[in-house]
Amino acid sequence: MAFIIKPLVTEKMTNVTEKRPNVYGFIVRPEANKIEIQKEVEALYNVTVESVNTLRYAGKRSRRYTKAGLVKGQKNAFKKAIVTLKEGEEIDFYSNIE
């Protein structure tokens, strides 16, 4: 079962990776645990994972005023995994882009 949804390639995560080159972030399924995330990262990217930290984010409520009136909604909840690799190993997310 695929537990990793997508890698986190944001400005904040890029700054963390520049300071610590063996740390990467992923958006994962909410039911995934650390062991499953570790095994999937090792299988997908052929690296050795030292540690996995997970964070849960709640969906935030949002509303905006439009011509039609007040529009209410909610952003999706998600789970983020911060993966630390063994020293000297790295993941290249841009290797298959032409």
Protein backbone atom coordinates (compact mmCIF):
# COMPACT_ATOMS: atom_id res chain seq x y z
CA MET A 1 0.00 0.00 0.00
CA ALA A 2 1.34 3.43 -0.92
CA PHE A 3 1.68 5.52 2.21
CA ILE A 4 3.62 8.41 0.67
CA ILE A 5 1.36 10.83 -1.20
CA LYS A 6 3.97 13.33 -2.38
CA PRO A 7 7.31 14.84 -1.37
CA LEU A 8 7.27 18.27 0.26
CA VAL A 9 9.05 20.73 -2.01
CA THR A 10 8.18 24.05 -0.39
CA GLU A 11 10.30 27.08 0.38
CA LYS A 12 10.38 26.24 4.09
CA MET A 13 11.36 22.59 3.52
CA THR A 14 14.01 23.64 0.98
CA ASN A 15 15.59 25.93 3.59
CA VAL A 16 15.71 23.03 6.08
CA THR A 17 17.29 20.75 3.44
CA GLU A 18 19.95 23.37 2.66
CA LYS A 19 20.95 23.57 6.33
CA ARG A 20 20.74 19.80 6.91
CA PRO A 21 21.19 18.02 3.55
CA ASN A 22 19.98 14.63 4.77
CA VAL A 23 16.48 15.76 5.94
CA TYR A 24 13.43 15.53 3.65
CA GLY A 25 9.69 16.03 4.07
CA PHE A 26 6.77 14.02 2.70
CA ILE A 27 2.98 14.25 2.83
CA VAL A 28 1.77 10.81 3.93
CA ARG A 29 -1.54 9.03 4.51
CA PRO A 30 -2.99 9.71 7.99
CA GLU A 31 -3.03 6.01 8.94
CA ALA A 32 0.67 5.47 8.09
CA ASN A 33 3.04 4.80 10.98
CA LYS A 34 6.77 5.53 11.19
CA ILE A 35 7.88 2.00 10.34
CA GLU A 36 5.74 1.85 7.19
CA ILE A 37 6.98 5.28 6.09
CA GLN A 38 10.61 4.22 6.67
CA LYS A 39 10.22 1.01 4.64
CA GLU A 40 8.53 2.81 1.74
CA VAL A 41 11.13 5.61 1.54
CA GLU A 42 13.94 3.04 1.59
CA ALA A 43 12.26 1.02 -1.17
CA LEU A 44 11.38 3.99 -3.41
CA TYR A 45 14.64 5.94 -3.21
CA ASN A 46 17.24 3.24 -2.33
CA VAL A 47 18.49 5.08 0.77
CA THR A 48 18.96 4.24 4.45
CA VAL A 49 16.58 6.03 6.82
CA GLU A 50 17.86 6.88 10.31
CA SER A 51 14.71 8.42 11.80
CA VAL A 52 11.16 9.46 10.96
CA ASN A 53 9.22 12.20 12.74
CA THR A 54 5.52 12.69 12.02
CA LEU A 55 3.20 15.66 12.48
CA ARG A 56 -0.57 15.85 12.12
CA TYR A 57 -2.19 19.03 10.81
CA ALA A 58 -5.88 19.75 11.35
CA GLY A 59 -8.00 21.10 8.52
CA LYS A 60 -8.44 24.83 8.98
CA ARG A 61 -11.74 26.59 8.47
CA SER A 62 -11.80 29.40 5.95
CA ARG A 63 -14.36 31.91 4.78
CA ARG A 64 -14.41 34.76 2.34
CA TYR A 65 -16.81 37.46 1.33
CA THR A 66 -17.98 37.48 -2.28
CA LYS A 67 -20.71 39.21 -4.28
CA ALA A 68 -22.93 36.19 -3.63
CA GLY A 69 -22.36 36.47 0.13
CA LEU A 70 -20.28 34.62 2.67
CA VAL A 71 -18.64 31.43 1.36
CA LYS A 72 -17.48 28.96 4.03
CA GLY A 73 -15.19 25.99 3.58
CA GLN A 74 -12.49 23.89 5.16
CA LYS A 75 -8.98 22.96 4.05
CA ASN A 76 -7.98 19.31 4.16
CA ALA A 77 -6.25 17.76 7.17
CA PHE A 78 -2.95 16.01 6.42
CA LYS A 79 -0.02 14.23 7.97
CA LYS A 80 3.60 15.21 7.34
CA ALA A 81 6.68 13.03 7.80
CA ILE A 82 10.18 14.45 8.29
CA VAL A 83 12.68 11.77 7.25
CA THR A 84 16.36 11.87 8.25
CA LEU A 85 18.71 9.84 6.06
CA LYS A 86 22.09 8.32 6.84
CA GLU A 87 25.02 10.76 6.48
CA GLY A 88 26.16 11.21 2.88
CA GLU A 89 22.93 9.99 1.28
CA GLU A 90 20.48 12.24 -0.54
CA ILE A 91 17.29 12.12 -2.60
CA ASP A 92 17.02 13.92 -5.93
CA PHE A 93 13.35 14.71 -6.58
CA TYR A 94 14.18 16.40 -9.91
CA SER A 95 16.12 13.55 -11.54
CA ASN A 96 13.29 12.42 -13.88
CA ILE A 97 12.22 15.91 -15.07
CA GLU A 98 13.30 16.78 -18.58
